[in-house]
């Protein structure tokens, strides 16, 4: 049987139309569609497909990065496909692991995919550092202002109110209260 694995990233405005068109051309008999990051290993649809593989089945992807963005994970997946006695084909990169040349090419392309991911990660990190130097900090804005945090710490440390009471008063979790109190108990250097 020829299986097709189609993946688009969560949160992106991607669709898998192009992938599905390629599968029709490749005579894919059963398609497994997933919405998840290619950098994650916990993709239930991928594992469902891998569990169904039998000898002489073929796994088809439109592009190598649809299977995985990590070379390590990609090699683990390909090894799992091989152990099942199945083959692997990537339509865009013309990789076919049923041949020795195809196996070598798949490893080379996988290396480039991982290199590209590392370059993106480095650029993102550099951009975040530049933003911090300009005084911009990412993440959510704090729910409590400085006066509220000091009020919480003062009331809990002096034992006038419990952490649970303050959490209900300010509509935050008790863990948030604990962090605030811990920060205020640290000696100022």
C-alpha atoms as a PDB file:
ATOM      1  CA  UNK A   1       0.000   0.000   0.000  1.00  0.00           C
ATOM      2  CA  UNK A   2       1.146   3.545  -0.687  1.00  0.00           C
ATOM      3  CA  UNK A   3       0.631   5.874   2.277  1.00  0.00           C
ATOM      4  CA  UNK A   4       0.809   9.655   2.067  1.00  0.00           C
ATOM      5  CA  UNK A   5       1.745  11.766   5.098  1.00  0.00           C
ATOM      6  CA  UNK A   6       0.615  15.396   4.932  1.00  0.00           C
ATOM      7  CA  UNK A   7       1.535  17.911   7.651  1.00  0.00           C
ATOM      8  CA  UNK A   8       0.979  21.637   8.113  1.00  0.00           C
ATOM      9  CA  UNK A   9       2.207  23.597  11.119  1.00  0.00           C
ATOM     10  CA  UNK A  10      -0.189  24.570  13.880  1.00  0.00           C
ATOM     11  CA  UNK A  11      -1.219  28.199  13.885  1.00  0.00           C
ATOM     12  CA  UNK A  12       0.059  28.825  10.367  1.00  0.00           C
ATOM     13  CA  UNK A  13      -2.296  29.793   7.599  1.00  0.00           C
ATOM     14  CA  UNK A  14      -1.010  26.863   5.567  1.00  0.00           C
ATOM     15  CA  UNK A  15      -3.109  24.293   3.821  1.00  0.00           C
ATOM     16  CA  UNK A  16      -2.189  20.946   2.374  1.00  0.00           C
ATOM     17  CA  UNK A  17      -3.778  21.269  -1.087  1.00  0.00           C
ATOM     18  CA  UNK A  18      -0.433  21.125  -2.884  1.00  0.00           C
ATOM     19  CA  UNK A  19       0.585  18.056  -0.887  1.00  0.00           C
ATOM     20  CA  UNK A  20      -2.679  16.261  -1.674  1.00  0.00           C
ATOM     21  CA  UNK A  21      -2.356  17.061  -5.402  1.00  0.00           C
ATOM     22  CA  UNK A  22       1.119  15.507  -5.379  1.00  0.00           C
ATOM     23  CA  UNK A  23      -0.259  12.413  -3.664  1.00  0.00           C
ATOM     24  CA  UNK A  24      -2.821  11.937  -6.451  1.00  0.00           C
ATOM     25  CA  UNK A  25      -0.031  11.992  -9.023  1.00  0.00           C
ATOM     26  CA  UNK A  26       1.962   9.475  -6.935  1.00  0.00           C
ATOM     27  CA  UNK A  27      -1.055   7.113  -6.693  1.00  0.00           C
ATOM     28  CA  UNK A  28      -1.217   7.363  -2.896  1.00  0.00           C
ATOM     29  CA  UNK A  29      -3.910   5.020  -1.597  1.00  0.00           C
ATOM     30  CA  UNK A  30      -4.326   6.297   1.983  1.00  0.00           C
ATOM     31  CA  UNK A  31      -3.549   9.801   3.280  1.00  0.00           C
ATOM     32  CA  UNK A  32      -2.673  10.670   6.881  1.00  0.00           C
ATOM     33  CA  UNK A  33      -3.206  14.390   7.526  1.00  0.00           C
ATOM     34  CA  UNK A  34      -1.799  16.195  10.565  1.00  0.00           C
ATOM     35  CA  UNK A  35      -1.586  19.725  11.934  1.00  0.00           C
ATOM     36  CA  UNK A  36       1.531  19.932  14.107  1.00  0.00           C
ATOM     37  CA  UNK A  37       5.054  21.324  14.212  1.00  0.00           C
ATOM     38  CA  UNK A  38       7.611  19.289  12.277  1.00  0.00           C
ATOM     39  CA  UNK A  39      10.065  19.789  15.128  1.00  0.00           C
ATOM     40  CA  UNK A  40       7.889  17.805  17.535  1.00  0.00           C
ATOM     41  CA  UNK A  41       8.103  14.060  17.999  1.00  0.00           C
ATOM     42  CA  UNK A  42       4.670  13.614  19.607  1.00  0.00           C
ATOM     43  CA  UNK A  43       2.559  13.590  16.438  1.00  0.00           C
ATOM     44  CA  UNK A  44      -0.187  10.967  16.859  1.00  0.00           C
ATOM     45  CA  UNK A  45      -1.161  10.763  13.176  1.00  0.00           C
ATOM     46  CA  UNK A  46       2.462  10.134  12.144  1.00  0.00           C
ATOM     47  CA  UNK A  47       2.797   7.358  14.710  1.00  0.00           C
ATOM     48  CA  UNK A  48      -0.548   5.866  13.669  1.00  0.00           C
ATOM     49  CA  UNK A  49       0.735   5.653  10.095  1.00  0.00           C
ATOM     50  CA  UNK A  50       4.096   4.192  11.145  1.00  0.00           C
ATOM     51  CA  UNK A  51       2.324   1.538  13.238  1.00  0.00           C
ATOM     52  CA  UNK A  52       0.335   0.393  10.180  1.00  0.00           C
ATOM     53  CA  UNK A  53       3.350  -0.125   7.907  1.00  0.00           C
ATOM     54  CA  UNK A  54       3.975  -3.563   6.454  1.00  0.00           C
ATOM     55  CA  UNK A  55       6.603  -4.990   4.170  1.00  0.00           C
ATOM     56  CA  UNK A  56       6.656  -3.396   0.686  1.00  0.00           C
ATOM     57  CA  UNK A  57       4.452  -0.466   1.733  1.00  0.00           C
ATOM     58  CA  UNK A  58       5.689   2.979   0.704  1.00  0.00           C
ATOM     59  CA  UNK A  59       5.457   6.229   2.671  1.00  0.00           C
ATOM     60  CA  UNK A  60       5.175   9.303   0.441  1.00  0.00           C
ATOM     61  CA  UNK A  61       5.625  12.920   1.533  1.00  0.00           C
ATOM     62  CA  UNK A  62       5.368  15.981  -0.664  1.00  0.00           C
ATOM     63  CA  UNK A  63       8.530  17.494   0.806  1.00  0.00           C
ATOM     64  CA  UNK A  64      11.059  16.144   3.291  1.00  0.00           C
ATOM     65  CA  UNK A  65      10.371  18.807   5.913  1.00  0.00           C
ATOM     66  CA  UNK A  66       6.744  17.632   6.080  1.00  0.00           C
ATOM     67  CA  UNK A  67       8.029  14.452   7.737  1.00  0.00           C
ATOM     68  CA  UNK A  68      10.432  16.154  10.150  1.00  0.00           C
ATOM     69  CA  UNK A  69      12.543  19.278  10.564  1.00  0.00           C
ATOM     70  CA  UNK A  70      15.122  17.528  12.715  1.00  0.00           C
ATOM     71  CA  UNK A  71      17.721  15.320  11.044  1.00  0.00           C
ATOM     72  CA  UNK A  72      17.851  13.107  14.126  1.00  0.00           C
ATOM     73  CA  UNK A  73      14.078  12.580  14.124  1.00  0.00           C
ATOM     74  CA  UNK A  74      14.056  12.176  10.348  1.00  0.00           C
ATOM     75  CA  UNK A  75      16.639   9.392  10.555  1.00  0.00           C
ATOM     76  CA  UNK A  76      14.687   7.689  13.356  1.00  0.00           C
ATOM     77  CA  UNK A  77      11.496   7.817  11.266  1.00  0.00           C
ATOM     78  CA  UNK A  78      13.258   6.526   8.157  1.00  0.00           C
ATOM     79  CA  UNK A  79      14.834   3.717  10.221  1.00  0.00           C
ATOM     80  CA  UNK A  80      11.384   2.789  11.550  1.00  0.00           C
ATOM     81  CA  UNK A  81      10.058   2.709   7.969  1.00  0.00           C
ATOM     82  CA  UNK A  82      13.006   0.511   6.935  1.00  0.00           C
ATOM     83  CA  UNK A  83      12.501  -1.882   9.878  1.00  0.00           C
ATOM     84  CA  UNK A  84       8.917  -2.401   8.730  1.00  0.00           C
ATOM     85  CA  UNK A  85      10.311  -3.384   5.332  1.00  0.00           C
ATOM     86  CA  UNK A  86       8.699  -0.348   3.719  1.00  0.00           C
ATOM     87  CA  UNK A  87      10.116   2.329   1.430  1.00  0.00           C
ATOM     88  CA  UNK A  88      10.074   6.115   1.529  1.00  0.00           C
ATOM     89  CA  UNK A  89       9.629   8.693  -1.214  1.00  0.00           C
ATOM     90  CA  UNK A  90       9.775  12.477  -1.137  1.00  0.00           C
ATOM     91  CA  UNK A  91       8.115  13.941  -4.223  1.00  0.00           C
ATOM     92  CA  UNK A  92       9.775  17.368  -4.260  1.00  0.00           C
ATOM     93  CA  UNK A  93      13.339  16.199  -3.593  1.00  0.00           C
ATOM     94  CA  UNK A  94      12.960  13.039  -5.742  1.00  0.00           C
ATOM     95  CA  UNK A  95      14.200  10.836  -2.898  1.00  0.00           C
ATOM     96  CA  UNK A  96      13.420   7.131  -3.048  1.00  0.00           C
ATOM     97  CA  UNK A  97      14.943   5.022  -0.248  1.00  0.00           C
ATOM     98  CA  UNK A  98      14.277   1.816  -2.121  1.00  0.00           C
ATOM     99  CA  UNK A  99      17.593   2.531  -3.898  1.00  0.00           C
ATOM    100  CA  UNK A 100      21.091   3.055  -2.385  1.00  0.00           C
ATOM    101  CA  UNK A 101      21.470   6.404  -4.183  1.00  0.00           C
ATOM    102  CA  UNK A 102      18.112   7.507  -2.810  1.00  0.00           C
ATOM    103  CA  UNK A 103      19.149   6.631   0.755  1.00  0.00           C
ATOM    104  CA  UNK A 104      22.348   8.676   0.405  1.00  0.00           C
ATOM    105  CA  UNK A 105      20.497  11.631  -1.118  1.00  0.00           C
ATOM    106  CA  UNK A 106      17.911  11.559   1.692  1.00  0.00           C
ATOM    107  CA  UNK A 107      20.649  11.862   4.306  1.00  0.00           C
ATOM    108  CA  UNK A 108      22.250  14.799   2.491  1.00  0.00           C
ATOM    109  CA  UNK A 109      18.965  16.665   2.067  1.00  0.00           C
ATOM    110  CA  UNK A 110      18.099  15.988   5.709  1.00  0.00           C
ATOM    111  CA  UNK A 111      21.384  17.613   6.741  1.00  0.00           C
ATOM    112  CA  UNK A 112      20.538  20.735   4.769  1.00  0.00           C
ATOM    113  CA  UNK A 113      17.036  20.872   6.295  1.00  0.00           C
ATOM    114  CA  UNK A 114      18.522  20.736   9.794  1.00  0.00           C
ATOM    115  CA  UNK A 115      21.097  23.394   8.875  1.00  0.00           C
ATOM    116  CA  UNK A 116      18.299  25.682   7.667  1.00  0.00           C
ATOM    117  CA  UNK A 117      16.368  25.166  10.926  1.00  0.00           C
ATOM    118  CA  UNK A 118      19.469  26.028  12.992  1.00  0.00           C
ATOM    119  CA  UNK A 119      20.003  29.199  10.950  1.00  0.00           C
ATOM    120  CA  UNK A 120      16.396  30.264  11.617  1.00  0.00           C
ATOM    121  CA  UNK A 121      16.880  29.554  15.328  1.00  0.00           C
ATOM    122  CA  UNK A 122      20.071  31.683  15.414  1.00  0.00           C
ATOM    123  CA  UNK A 123      18.394  34.589  13.591  1.00  0.00           C
ATOM    124  CA  UNK A 124      15.443  34.450  15.982  1.00  0.00           C
ATOM    125  CA  UNK A 125      17.752  34.458  19.002  1.00  0.00           C
ATOM    126  CA  UNK A 126      19.740  37.408  17.609  1.00  0.00           C
ATOM    127  CA  UNK A 127      16.508  39.315  16.959  1.00  0.00           C
ATOM    128  CA  UNK A 128      15.273  38.728  20.512  1.00  0.00           C
ATOM    129  CA  UNK A 129      18.610  39.862  21.963  1.00  0.00           C
ATOM    130  CA  UNK A 130      18.522  43.039  19.844  1.00  0.00           C
ATOM    131  CA  UNK A 131      14.963  43.741  21.044  1.00  0.00           C
ATOM    132  CA  UNK A 132      16.020  43.296  24.690  1.00  0.00           C
ATOM    133  CA  UNK A 133      18.891  45.762  24.200  1.00  0.00           C
ATOM    134  CA  UNK A 134      16.322  48.271  22.936  1.00  0.00           C
ATOM    135  CA  UNK A 135      14.262  47.690  26.079  1.00  0.00           C
ATOM    136  CA  UNK A 136      11.572  45.527  24.512  1.00  0.00           C
ATOM    137  CA  UNK A 137      10.749  42.334  26.355  1.00  0.00           C
ATOM    138  CA  UNK A 138       8.610  39.561  24.888  1.00  0.00           C
ATOM    139  CA  UNK A 139       5.872  37.621  26.578  1.00  0.00           C
ATOM    140  CA  UNK A 140       2.670  38.607  28.281  1.00  0.00           C
ATOM    141  CA  UNK A 141       2.377  41.837  30.204  1.00  0.00           C
ATOM    142  CA  UNK A 142       2.301  41.233  33.973  1.00  0.00           C
ATOM    143  CA  UNK A 143      -1.230  40.943  35.343  1.00  0.00           C
ATOM    144  CA  UNK A 144      -0.260  42.647  38.609  1.00  0.00           C
ATOM    145  CA  UNK A 145       1.444  46.005  38.929  1.00  0.00           C
ATOM    146  CA  UNK A 146       4.298  46.768  41.361  1.00  0.00           C
ATOM    147  CA  UNK A 147       1.978  48.083  44.117  1.00  0.00           C
ATOM    148  CA  UNK A 148      -0.221  44.992  43.911  1.00  0.00           C
ATOM    149  CA  UNK A 149       2.799  42.664  44.135  1.00  0.00           C
ATOM    150  CA  UNK A 150       4.108  44.568  47.161  1.00  0.00           C
ATOM    151  CA  UNK A 151       0.663  44.399  48.827  1.00  0.00           C
ATOM    152  CA  UNK A 152       0.544  40.637  48.282  1.00  0.00           C
ATOM    153  CA  UNK A 153       4.042  40.097  49.659  1.00  0.00           C
ATOM    154  CA  UNK A 154       3.409  42.356  52.673  1.00  0.00           C
ATOM    155  CA  UNK A 155       0.103  40.641  53.590  1.00  0.00           C
ATOM    156  CA  UNK A 156       1.382  37.069  53.172  1.00  0.00           C
ATOM    157  CA  UNK A 157       4.800  37.591  54.811  1.00  0.00           C
ATOM    158  CA  UNK A 158       3.203  39.374  57.802  1.00  0.00           C
ATOM    159  CA  UNK A 159       0.591  36.567  57.918  1.00  0.00           C
ATOM    160  CA  UNK A 160      -2.343  39.012  57.852  1.00  0.00           C
ATOM    161  CA  UNK A 161      -3.755  37.057  54.905  1.00  0.00           C
ATOM    162  CA  UNK A 162      -3.043  33.659  53.409  1.00  0.00           C
ATOM    163  CA  UNK A 163      -1.703  33.067  49.912  1.00  0.00           C
ATOM    164  CA  UNK A 164      -5.075  31.576  48.955  1.00  0.00           C
ATOM    165  CA  UNK A 165      -6.890  34.711  50.183  1.00  0.00           C
ATOM    166  CA  UNK A 166      -4.624  36.967  48.136  1.00  0.00           C
ATOM    167  CA  UNK A 167      -4.981  34.718  45.072  1.00  0.00           C
ATOM    168  CA  UNK A 168      -8.779  35.043  45.260  1.00  0.00           C
ATOM    169  CA  UNK A 169      -8.568  38.801  45.876  1.00  0.00           C
ATOM    170  CA  UNK A 170      -6.336  39.476  42.844  1.00  0.00           C
ATOM    171  CA  UNK A 171      -7.786  36.662  40.700  1.00  0.00           C
ATOM    172  CA  UNK A 172      -4.450  34.899  40.141  1.00  0.00           C
ATOM    173  CA  UNK A 173      -3.209  31.411  40.957  1.00  0.00           C
ATOM    174  CA  UNK A 174      -1.667  30.470  44.277  1.00  0.00           C
ATOM    175  CA  UNK A 175       1.528  29.629  42.377  1.00  0.00           C
ATOM    176  CA  UNK A 176       1.710  33.261  41.237  1.00  0.00           C
ATOM    177  CA  UNK A 177       1.332  34.382  44.867  1.00  0.00           C
ATOM    178  CA  UNK A 178       4.103  31.983  45.947  1.00  0.00           C
ATOM    179  CA  UNK A 179       6.474  33.349  43.285  1.00  0.00           C
ATOM    180  CA  UNK A 180       5.766  36.948  44.314  1.00  0.00           C
ATOM    181  CA  UNK A 181       6.352  36.166  47.993  1.00  0.00           C
ATOM    182  CA  UNK A 182       9.565  34.271  47.199  1.00  0.00           C
ATOM    183  CA  UNK A 183      10.871  37.207  45.149  1.00  0.00           C
ATOM    184  CA  UNK A 184      10.209  39.625  48.016  1.00  0.00           C
ATOM    185  CA  UNK A 185      11.892  37.351  50.572  1.00  0.00           C
ATOM    186  CA  UNK A 186      15.149  37.269  48.583  1.00  0.00           C
ATOM    187  CA  UNK A 187      17.775  39.599  50.038  1.00  0.00           C
ATOM    188  CA  UNK A 188      18.500  42.660  47.901  1.00  0.00           C
ATOM    189  CA  UNK A 189      22.124  42.645  46.760  1.00  0.00           C
END
